[in-house]
PDB file of N, CA and C in Angstrom:
ATOM      1  N   MET A   1      43.509   4.082  -2.327  1.00  0.00           N
ATOM      2  CA  MET A   1      42.000   3.031  -2.213  1.00  0.00           C
ATOM      3  C   MET A   1      40.776   4.072  -2.641  1.00  0.00           C
ATOM      4  N   ARG A   2      39.906   3.482  -3.507  1.00  0.00           N
ATOM      5  CA  ARG A   2      38.672   4.406  -4.043  1.00  0.00           C
ATOM      6  C   ARG A   2      37.566   4.402  -2.620  1.00  0.00           C
ATOM      7  N   THR A   3      37.259   5.925  -2.824  1.00  0.00           N
ATOM      8  CA  THR A   3      36.050   6.159  -2.177  1.00  0.00           C
ATOM      9  C   THR A   3      34.835   5.261  -2.324  1.00  0.00           C
ATOM     10  N   PRO A   4      34.318   4.141  -0.793  1.00  0.00           N
ATOM     11  CA  PRO A   4      33.000   3.675  -1.152  1.00  0.00           C
ATOM     12  C   PRO A   4      32.242   4.358  -2.177  1.00  0.00           C
ATOM     13  N   VAL A   5      31.079   3.737  -3.436  1.00  0.00           N
ATOM     14  CA  VAL A   5      30.207   3.957  -4.090  1.00  0.00           C
ATOM     15  C   VAL A   5      28.782   3.659  -3.413  1.00  0.00           C
ATOM     16  N   VAL A   6      28.373   5.048  -3.027  1.00  0.00           N
ATOM     17  CA  VAL A   6      26.662   4.903  -1.481  1.00  0.00           C
ATOM     18  C   VAL A   6      25.657   5.469  -2.926  1.00  0.00           C
ATOM     19  N   PRO A   7      24.100   4.500  -2.437  1.00  0.00           N
ATOM     20  CA  PRO A   7      22.998   4.983  -4.007  1.00  0.00           C
ATOM     21  C   PRO A   7      23.188   6.356  -4.534  1.00  0.00           C
ATOM     22  N   ALA A   8      23.211   7.116  -3.807  1.00  0.00           N
ATOM     23  CA  ALA A   8      23.069   8.887  -4.162  1.00  0.00           C
ATOM     24  C   ALA A   8      24.426   8.852  -4.921  1.00  0.00           C
ATOM     25  N   ASP A   9      25.085   8.736  -4.852  1.00  0.00           N
ATOM     26  CA  ASP A   9      26.897   8.735  -5.698  1.00  0.00           C
ATOM     27  C   ASP A   9      25.546   8.285  -7.359  1.00  0.00           C
ATOM     28  N   VAL A  10      25.221   6.992  -6.970  1.00  0.00           N
ATOM     29  CA  VAL A  10      24.827   6.631  -8.739  1.00  0.00           C
ATOM     30  C   VAL A  10      23.692   7.283  -9.312  1.00  0.00           C
ATOM     31  N   LEU A  11      22.482   7.558  -8.387  1.00  0.00           N
ATOM     32  CA  LEU A  11      21.415   7.570  -8.691  1.00  0.00           C
ATOM     33  C   LEU A  11      21.036   8.889  -8.488  1.00  0.00           C
ATOM     34  N   GLY A  12      22.053   9.944  -7.713  1.00  0.00           N
ATOM     35  CA  GLY A  12      21.495  11.087  -7.520  1.00  0.00           C
ATOM     36  C   GLY A  12      20.326  11.091  -6.372  1.00  0.00           C
ATOM     37  N   ALA A  13      19.209  10.935  -6.538  1.00  0.00           N
ATOM     38  CA  ALA A  13      18.253  11.312  -5.718  1.00  0.00           C
ATOM     39  C   ALA A  13      17.268   9.652  -5.682  1.00  0.00           C
ATOM     40  N   VAL A  14      16.964   9.193  -4.456  1.00  0.00           N
ATOM     41  CA  VAL A  14      16.479   7.887  -4.777  1.00  0.00           C
ATOM     42  C   VAL A  14      15.360   8.629  -3.935  1.00  0.00           C
ATOM     43  N   ARG A  15      13.465   7.809  -4.359  1.00  0.00           N
ATOM     44  CA  ARG A  15      12.307   8.200  -3.481  1.00  0.00           C
ATOM     45  C   ARG A  15      11.496   6.899  -4.178  1.00  0.00           C
ATOM     46  N   ARG A  16      10.854   6.595  -3.039  1.00  0.00           N
ATOM     47  CA  ARG A  16       9.920   5.399  -3.056  1.00  0.00           C
ATOM     48  C   ARG A  16       8.495   6.522  -4.204  1.00  0.00           C
ATOM     49  N   VAL A  17       8.536   5.201  -4.498  1.00  0.00           N
ATOM     50  CA  VAL A  17       7.074   5.373  -5.013  1.00  0.00           C
ATOM     51  C   VAL A  17       5.729   4.949  -5.591  1.00  0.00           C
ATOM     52  N   THR A  18       4.853   5.173  -5.871  1.00  0.00           N
ATOM     53  CA  THR A  18       4.036   4.138  -5.870  1.00  0.00           C
ATOM     54  C   THR A  18       3.870   3.450  -7.516  1.00  0.00           C
ATOM     55  N   PRO A  19       3.998   2.260  -7.405  1.00  0.00           N
ATOM     56  CA  PRO A  19       3.210   1.553  -8.828  1.00  0.00           C
ATOM     57  C   PRO A  19       2.543   1.582  -9.416  1.00  0.00           C
ATOM     58  N   SER A  20       2.085   1.963 -10.978  1.00  0.00           N
ATOM     59  CA  SER A  20       0.910   1.851 -11.296  1.00  0.00           C
ATOM     60  C   SER A  20       0.312   0.431 -11.837  1.00  0.00           C
ATOM     61  N   ALA A  21      -1.059  -0.200 -11.559  1.00  0.00           N
ATOM     62  CA  ALA A  21      -1.700  -1.325 -12.001  1.00  0.00           C
ATOM     63  C   ALA A  21      -0.515  -2.336 -12.989  1.00  0.00           C
ATOM     64  N   GLU A  22      -0.354  -0.828 -14.494  1.00  0.00           N
ATOM     65  CA  GLU A  22       0.422  -1.186 -15.061  1.00  0.00           C
ATOM     66  C   GLU A  22       1.598  -1.560 -14.823  1.00  0.00           C
ATOM     67  N   GLN A  23       2.568  -0.981 -14.147  1.00  0.00           N
ATOM     68  CA  GLN A  23       3.789  -1.411 -13.653  1.00  0.00           C
ATOM     69  C   GLN A  23       3.864  -2.289 -13.135  1.00  0.00           C
ATOM     70  N   VAL A  24       3.194  -2.733 -12.371  1.00  0.00           N
ATOM     71  CA  VAL A  24       3.655  -4.200 -11.585  1.00  0.00           C
ATOM     72  C   VAL A  24       3.105  -5.554 -12.552  1.00  0.00           C
ATOM     73  N   SER A  25       2.099  -4.656 -13.152  1.00  0.00           N
ATOM     74  CA  SER A  25       2.135  -5.877 -14.366  1.00  0.00           C
ATOM     75  C   SER A  25       3.359  -6.196 -14.998  1.00  0.00           C
ATOM     76  N   LEU A  26       3.966  -5.443 -15.517  1.00  0.00           N
ATOM     77  CA  LEU A  26       5.150  -6.036 -16.209  1.00  0.00           C
ATOM     78  C   LEU A  26       6.099  -6.107 -15.259  1.00  0.00           C
ATOM     79  N   ALA A  27       5.922  -5.513 -14.248  1.00  0.00           N
ATOM     80  CA  ALA A  27       7.195  -6.151 -13.200  1.00  0.00           C
ATOM     81  C   ALA A  27       7.358  -8.125 -13.259  1.00  0.00           C
ATOM     82  N   SER A  28       5.961  -8.458 -12.500  1.00  0.00           N
ATOM     83  CA  SER A  28       5.785  -9.286 -12.533  1.00  0.00           C
ATOM     84  C   SER A  28       5.657 -10.497 -13.725  1.00  0.00           C
ATOM     85  N   ALA A  29       5.479  -9.857 -14.654  1.00  0.00           N
ATOM     86  CA  ALA A  29       6.078 -10.931 -15.932  1.00  0.00           C
ATOM     87  C   ALA A  29       7.127 -11.219 -16.482  1.00  0.00           C
ATOM     88  N   ALA A  30       7.975  -9.952 -16.156  1.00  0.00           N
ATOM     89  CA  ALA A  30       9.766 -10.048 -16.128  1.00  0.00           C
ATOM     90  C   ALA A  30      10.178 -10.905 -15.037  1.00  0.00           C
ATOM     91  N   LEU A  31       9.338 -10.669 -13.650  1.00  0.00           N
ATOM     92  CA  LEU A  31      10.041 -12.091 -12.795  1.00  0.00           C
ATOM     93  C   LEU A  31       9.999 -12.855 -13.083  1.00  0.00           C
ATOM     94  N   ASP A  32       8.424 -13.511 -13.426  1.00  0.00           N
ATOM     95  CA  ASP A  32       7.990 -14.887 -14.103  1.00  0.00           C
ATOM     96  C   ASP A  32       8.721 -15.098 -15.510  1.00  0.00           C
ATOM     97  N   ALA A  33       9.488 -14.809 -16.207  1.00  0.00           N
ATOM     98  CA  ALA A  33      10.598 -14.660 -17.410  1.00  0.00           C
ATOM     99  C   ALA A  33      11.637 -14.677 -16.942  1.00  0.00           C
ATOM    100  N   ALA A  34      12.466 -14.674 -15.304  1.00  0.00           N
ATOM    101  CA  ALA A  34      13.405 -15.191 -15.592  1.00  0.00           C
ATOM    102  C   ALA A  34      13.828 -16.618 -15.332  1.00  0.00           C
ATOM    103  N   PRO A  35      15.131 -17.203 -15.633  1.00  0.00           N
ATOM    104  CA  PRO A  35      15.196 -18.513 -15.897  1.00  0.00           C
ATOM    105  C   PRO A  35      15.163 -18.909 -14.438  1.00  0.00           C
ATOM    106  N   GLY A  36      14.023 -20.146 -14.490  1.00  0.00           N
ATOM    107  CA  GLY A  36      13.532 -20.732 -13.063  1.00  0.00           C
ATOM    108  C   GLY A  36      12.449 -20.475 -12.818  1.00  0.00           C
ATOM    109  N   GLY A  37      12.094 -18.923 -13.343  1.00  0.00           N
ATOM    110  CA  GLY A  37      11.293 -18.184 -12.419  1.00  0.00           C
ATOM    111  C   GLY A  37      11.588 -17.714 -11.252  1.00  0.00           C
ATOM    112  N   ARG A  38      10.499 -16.608 -11.206  1.00  0.00           N
ATOM    113  CA  ARG A  38      10.540 -15.949  -9.656  1.00  0.00           C
ATOM    114  C   ARG A  38      10.537 -16.853  -8.659  1.00  0.00           C
ATOM    115  N   GLN A  39      10.538 -17.648  -8.566  1.00  0.00           N
ATOM    116  CA  GLN A  39      10.787 -18.811  -6.839  1.00  0.00           C
ATOM    117  C   GLN A  39      12.830 -19.130  -6.589  1.00  0.00           C
ATOM    118  N   ARG A  40      13.152 -18.596  -8.143  1.00  0.00           N
ATOM    119  CA  ARG A  40      14.353 -19.268  -7.994  1.00  0.00           C
ATOM    120  C   ARG A  40      15.538 -18.058  -7.340  1.00  0.00           C
ATOM    121  N   LEU A  41      14.427 -16.075  -7.198  1.00  0.00           N
ATOM    122  CA  LEU A  41      15.998 -14.999  -6.815  1.00  0.00           C
ATOM    123  C   LEU A  41      15.317 -14.814  -5.971  1.00  0.00           C
ATOM    124  N   SER A  42      16.968 -14.540  -5.095  1.00  0.00           N
ATOM    125  CA  SER A  42      16.600 -14.078  -3.981  1.00  0.00           C
ATOM    126  C   SER A  42      16.481 -12.683  -3.397  1.00  0.00           C
ATOM    127  N   TYR A  43      16.634 -12.146  -4.478  1.00  0.00           N
ATOM    128  CA  TYR A  43      16.051 -10.685  -4.798  1.00  0.00           C
ATOM    129  C   TYR A  43      15.932 -10.509  -5.840  1.00  0.00           C
ATOM    130  N   ALA A  44      15.074  -9.264  -6.539  1.00  0.00           N
ATOM    131  CA  ALA A  44      15.347  -8.976  -7.762  1.00  0.00           C
ATOM    132  C   ALA A  44      15.029  -7.498  -7.572  1.00  0.00           C
ATOM    133  N   ARG A  45      14.533  -6.493  -8.642  1.00  0.00           N
ATOM    134  CA  ARG A  45      14.238  -5.059  -8.557  1.00  0.00           C
ATOM    135  C   ARG A  45      14.244  -5.625 -10.235  1.00  0.00           C
ATOM    136  N   VAL A  46      12.871  -4.498 -10.377  1.00  0.00           N
ATOM    137  CA  VAL A  46      12.134  -4.058 -11.451  1.00  0.00           C
ATOM    138  C   VAL A  46      12.632  -2.848 -11.702  1.00  0.00           C
ATOM    139  N   ASP A  47      12.962  -2.511 -13.091  1.00  0.00           N
ATOM    140  CA  ASP A  47      13.036  -0.833 -13.290  1.00  0.00           C
ATOM    141  C   ASP A  47      12.389  -0.543 -14.031  1.00  0.00           C
ATOM    142  N   VAL A  48      11.506   0.171 -14.488  1.00  0.00           N
ATOM    143  CA  VAL A  48      10.311   0.645 -15.759  1.00  0.00           C
ATOM    144  C   VAL A  48      10.960   1.823 -16.009  1.00  0.00           C
ATOM    145  N   LEU A  49      10.343   2.515 -17.502  1.00  0.00           N
ATOM    146  CA  LEU A  49      10.536   3.895 -17.575  1.00  0.00           C
ATOM    147  C   LEU A  49       9.007   4.019 -18.395  1.00  0.00           C
ATOM    148  N   PRO A  50       7.891   4.913 -18.491  1.00  0.00           N
ATOM    149  CA  PRO A  50       7.174   5.268 -19.222  1.00  0.00           C
ATOM    150  C   PRO A  50       7.498   5.660 -20.226  1.00  0.00           C
ATOM    151  N   GLY A  51       6.704   4.872 -21.026  1.00  0.00           N
ATOM    152  CA  GLY A  51       7.229   4.795 -23.233  1.00  0.00           C
ATOM    153  C   GLY A  51       6.082   5.442 -23.588  1.00  0.00           C
ATOM    154  N   PRO A  52       5.706   5.839 -24.697  1.00  0.00           N
ATOM    155  CA  PRO A  52       4.794   6.022 -25.339  1.00  0.00           C
ATOM    156  C   PRO A  52       3.303   5.140 -25.394  1.00  0.00           C
ATOM    157  N   ALA A  53       3.504   3.899 -25.263  1.00  0.00           N
ATOM    158  CA  ALA A  53       2.602   2.884 -25.300  1.00  0.00           C
ATOM    159  C   ALA A  53       2.027   2.113 -23.219  1.00  0.00           C
ATOM    160  N   GLY A  54       3.167   3.005 -22.926  1.00  0.00           N
ATOM    161  CA  GLY A  54       2.615   2.352 -21.604  1.00  0.00           C
ATOM    162  C   GLY A  54       4.124   1.448 -21.023  1.00  0.00           C
ATOM    163  N   PRO A  55       3.955   1.184 -19.248  1.00  0.00           N
ATOM    164  CA  PRO A  55       5.625   0.867 -19.118  1.00  0.00           C
ATOM    165  C   PRO A  55       6.184   0.571 -20.078  1.00  0.00           C
ATOM    166  N   VAL A  56       8.085   0.719 -19.895  1.00  0.00           N
ATOM    167  CA  VAL A  56       8.797  -0.376 -20.891  1.00  0.00           C
ATOM    168  C   VAL A  56       9.871  -0.693 -19.673  1.00  0.00           C
ATOM    169  N   LEU A  57      10.439  -2.238 -19.325  1.00  0.00           N
ATOM    170  CA  LEU A  57      11.082  -2.641 -18.917  1.00  0.00           C
ATOM    171  C   LEU A  57      12.258  -2.127 -19.326  1.00  0.00           C
ATOM    172  N   LEU A  58      13.214  -1.624 -17.969  1.00  0.00           N
ATOM    173  CA  LEU A  58      14.325  -1.482 -18.334  1.00  0.00           C
ATOM    174  C   LEU A  58      15.188  -1.999 -17.628  1.00  0.00           C
ATOM    175  N   GLU A  59      15.295  -2.902 -16.771  1.00  0.00           N
ATOM    176  CA  GLU A  59      16.156  -3.723 -15.956  1.00  0.00           C
ATOM    177  C   GLU A  59      15.118  -5.031 -14.981  1.00  0.00           C
ATOM    178  N   LEU A  60      15.427  -6.023 -15.151  1.00  0.00           N
ATOM    179  CA  LEU A  60      15.484  -6.772 -14.144  1.00  0.00           C
ATOM    180  C   LEU A  60      16.907  -6.872 -13.195  1.00  0.00           C
ATOM    181  N   GLU A  61      17.367  -6.384 -12.375  1.00  0.00           N
ATOM    182  CA  GLU A  61      18.310  -7.139 -11.731  1.00  0.00           C
ATOM    183  C   GLU A  61      18.416  -7.841 -10.963  1.00  0.00           C
ATOM    184  N   ALA A  62      18.742  -9.191 -11.148  1.00  0.00           N
ATOM    185  CA  ALA A  62      18.566  -9.539  -9.781  1.00  0.00           C
ATOM    186  C   ALA A  62      20.014  -9.758  -8.790  1.00  0.00           C
ATOM    187  N   THR A  63      21.180  -8.805  -9.026  1.00  0.00           N
ATOM    188  CA  THR A  63      21.732  -8.706  -7.724  1.00  0.00           C
ATOM    189  C   THR A  63      22.580  -7.196  -7.854  1.00  0.00           C
ATOM    190  N   ASP A  64      22.244  -6.446  -6.638  1.00  0.00           N
ATOM    191  CA  ASP A  64      22.714  -5.566  -6.166  1.00  0.00           C
ATOM    192  C   ASP A  64      23.649  -5.205  -5.238  1.00  0.00           C
ATOM    193  N   CYS A  65      24.132  -3.770  -5.142  1.00  0.00           N
ATOM    194  CA  CYS A  65      25.113  -4.156  -3.721  1.00  0.00           C
ATOM    195  C   CYS A  65      24.337  -3.022  -3.270  1.00  0.00           C
ATOM    196  N   PHE A  66      22.821  -2.249  -3.621  1.00  0.00           N
ATOM    197  CA  PHE A  66      22.752  -2.036  -2.379  1.00  0.00           C
ATOM    198  C   PHE A  66      21.265  -2.545  -1.740  1.00  0.00           C
ATOM    199  N   LEU A  67      20.632  -2.883  -2.559  1.00  0.00           N
ATOM    200  CA  LEU A  67      19.358  -3.319  -1.931  1.00  0.00           C
ATOM    201  C   LEU A  67      18.220  -3.007  -1.712  1.00  0.00           C
ATOM    202  N   PHE A  68      18.282  -1.354  -1.154  1.00  0.00           N
ATOM    203  CA  PHE A  68      17.693  -0.541  -1.217  1.00  0.00           C
ATOM    204  C   PHE A  68      16.243  -0.999  -0.003  1.00  0.00           C
ATOM    205  N   LEU A  69      17.095  -1.612   1.261  1.00  0.00           N
ATOM    206  CA  LEU A  69      16.262  -1.919   2.034  1.00  0.00           C
ATOM    207  C   LEU A  69      15.412  -0.750   2.592  1.00  0.00           C
ATOM    208  N   ALA A  70      15.937   0.263   2.530  1.00  0.00           N
ATOM    209  CA  ALA A  70      15.579   1.230   3.228  1.00  0.00           C
ATOM    210  C   ALA A  70      13.839   1.751   2.556  1.00  0.00           C
ATOM    211  N   TYR A  71      14.255   1.760   1.751  1.00  0.00           N
ATOM    212  CA  TYR A  71      13.259   2.181   0.321  1.00  0.00           C
ATOM    213  C   TYR A  71      11.980   0.397   0.412  1.00  0.00           C
ATOM    214  N   ALA A  72      12.083  -0.309   1.280  1.00  0.00           N
ATOM    215  CA  ALA A  72      11.010  -1.364   0.453  1.00  0.00           C
ATOM    216  C   ALA A  72      10.276  -1.692   2.004  1.00  0.00           C
ATOM    217  N   ALA A  73       8.909  -2.442   1.612  1.00  0.00           N
ATOM    218  CA  ALA A  73       8.241  -2.828   2.544  1.00  0.00           C
ATOM    219  C   ALA A  73       8.254  -3.940   2.846  1.00  0.00           C
ATOM    220  N   GLN A  74       8.064  -3.743   4.662  1.00  0.00           N
ATOM    221  CA  GLN A  74       8.242  -4.813   5.486  1.00  0.00           C
ATOM    222  C   GLN A  74       8.069  -5.773   5.514  1.00  0.00           C
ATOM    223  N   ALA A  75       7.054  -6.497   4.035  1.00  0.00           N
ATOM    224  CA  ALA A  75       6.833  -7.359   3.366  1.00  0.00           C
ATOM    225  C   ALA A  75       7.921  -8.368   2.743  1.00  0.00           C
ATOM    226  N   SER A  76       8.231  -7.043   2.560  1.00  0.00           N
ATOM    227  CA  SER A  76       9.631  -7.348   1.482  1.00  0.00           C
ATOM    228  C   SER A  76      10.964  -7.441   1.620  1.00  0.00           C
ATOM    229  N   ILE A  77      11.408  -7.229   2.413  1.00  0.00           N
ATOM    230  CA  ILE A  77      12.693  -7.285   3.945  1.00  0.00           C
ATOM    231  C   ILE A  77      12.143  -8.818   5.027  1.00  0.00           C
ATOM    232  N   ASP A  78      11.015  -8.797   4.924  1.00  0.00           N
ATOM    233  CA  ASP A  78      11.014 -10.440   5.372  1.00  0.00           C
ATOM    234  C   ASP A  78      10.938 -10.685   5.142  1.00  0.00           C
ATOM    235  N   ARG A  79       9.914 -11.345   3.454  1.00  0.00           N
ATOM    236  CA  ARG A  79      10.476 -12.402   2.918  1.00  0.00           C
ATOM    237  C   ARG A  79      11.560 -12.728   1.912  1.00  0.00           C
ATOM    238  N   LEU A  80      12.716 -11.396   1.838  1.00  0.00           N
ATOM    239  CA  LEU A  80      14.474 -11.967   1.878  1.00  0.00           C
ATOM    240  C   LEU A  80      14.959 -12.333   2.620  1.00  0.00           C
ATOM    241  N   ALA A  81      14.817 -11.791   4.106  1.00  0.00           N
ATOM    242  CA  ALA A  81      15.048 -11.732   5.873  1.00  0.00           C
ATOM    243  C   ALA A  81      14.437 -14.231   5.277  1.00  0.00           C
ATOM    244  N   GLU A  82      13.349 -14.347   5.199  1.00  0.00           N
ATOM    245  CA  GLU A  82      13.141 -16.068   5.410  1.00  0.00           C
ATOM    246  C   GLU A  82      14.091 -16.899   3.761  1.00  0.00           C
ATOM    247  N   HIS A  83      13.948 -16.455   3.409  1.00  0.00           N
ATOM    248  CA  HIS A  83      14.932 -17.032   2.151  1.00  0.00           C
ATOM    249  C   HIS A  83      16.469 -16.959   2.253  1.00  0.00           C
ATOM    250  N   PHE A  84      17.015 -16.104   2.930  1.00  0.00           N
ATOM    251  CA  PHE A  84      17.473 -16.429   3.587  1.00  0.00           C
ATOM    252  C   PHE A  84      18.488 -16.826   4.145  1.00  0.00           C
ATOM    253  N   ALA A  85      17.097 -16.901   5.336  1.00  0.00           N
ATOM    254  CA  ALA A  85      16.991 -17.769   6.737  1.00  0.00           C
ATOM    255  C   ALA A  85      17.485 -18.857   5.974  1.00  0.00           C
ATOM    256  N   ARG A  86      16.206 -19.842   4.901  1.00  0.00           N
ATOM    257  CA  ARG A  86      16.262 -21.425   4.751  1.00  0.00           C
ATOM    258  C   ARG A  86      17.750 -21.738   3.874  1.00  0.00           C
ATOM    259  N   GLN A  87      18.039 -20.492   3.182  1.00  0.00           N
ATOM    260  CA  GLN A  87      19.587 -21.195   1.940  1.00  0.00           C
ATOM    261  C   GLN A  87      20.256 -21.534   3.963  1.00  0.00           C
ATOM    262  N   VAL A  88      20.860 -20.364   4.459  1.00  0.00           N
ATOM    263  CA  VAL A  88      21.626 -20.601   5.087  1.00  0.00           C
ATOM    264  C   VAL A  88      21.420 -22.246   6.207  1.00  0.00           C
ATOM    265  N   VAL A  89      19.914 -22.427   5.913  1.00  0.00           N
ATOM    266  CA  VAL A  89      19.788 -23.830   6.818  1.00  0.00           C
ATOM    267  C   VAL A  89      19.426 -24.983   5.674  1.00  0.00           C
ATOM    268  N   ARG A  90      19.764 -24.612   4.820  1.00  0.00           N
ATOM    269  CA  ARG A  90      19.627 -25.448   3.825  1.00  0.00           C
ATOM    270  C   ARG A  90      20.960 -26.301   3.224  1.00  0.00           C
ATOM    271  N   GLN A  91      22.595 -24.740   4.254  1.00  0.00           N
ATOM    272  CA  GLN A  91      24.056 -25.528   3.314  1.00  0.00           C
ATOM    273  C   GLN A  91      24.637 -25.536   4.861  1.00  0.00           C
ATOM    274  N   ARG A  92      23.377 -26.175   5.568  1.00  0.00           N
ATOM    275  CA  ARG A  92      24.480 -27.018   6.995  1.00  0.00           C
ATOM    276  C   ARG A  92      24.697 -28.185   6.680  1.00  0.00           C
TER     277      ARG A  92
END
């Protein structure tokens, strides 16, 4: 049996960072470009890297086995919980 993977195994070190205005703008544009728009996403994480002319999109991840809730702002956790609750009610 395989040992479970934890975020530290994948990333080495996880730390909270404050994104720049440019990074937030790029992330917002990436979310808007998702099929169906950001309102269709239950969860998303946008990874960016610094580039010579500004931030560069590395990944728009719409599924993640870790969710990184320990690093999320409370408002983000609340939005995710509310979204999941709406989905459960909608399924009944």
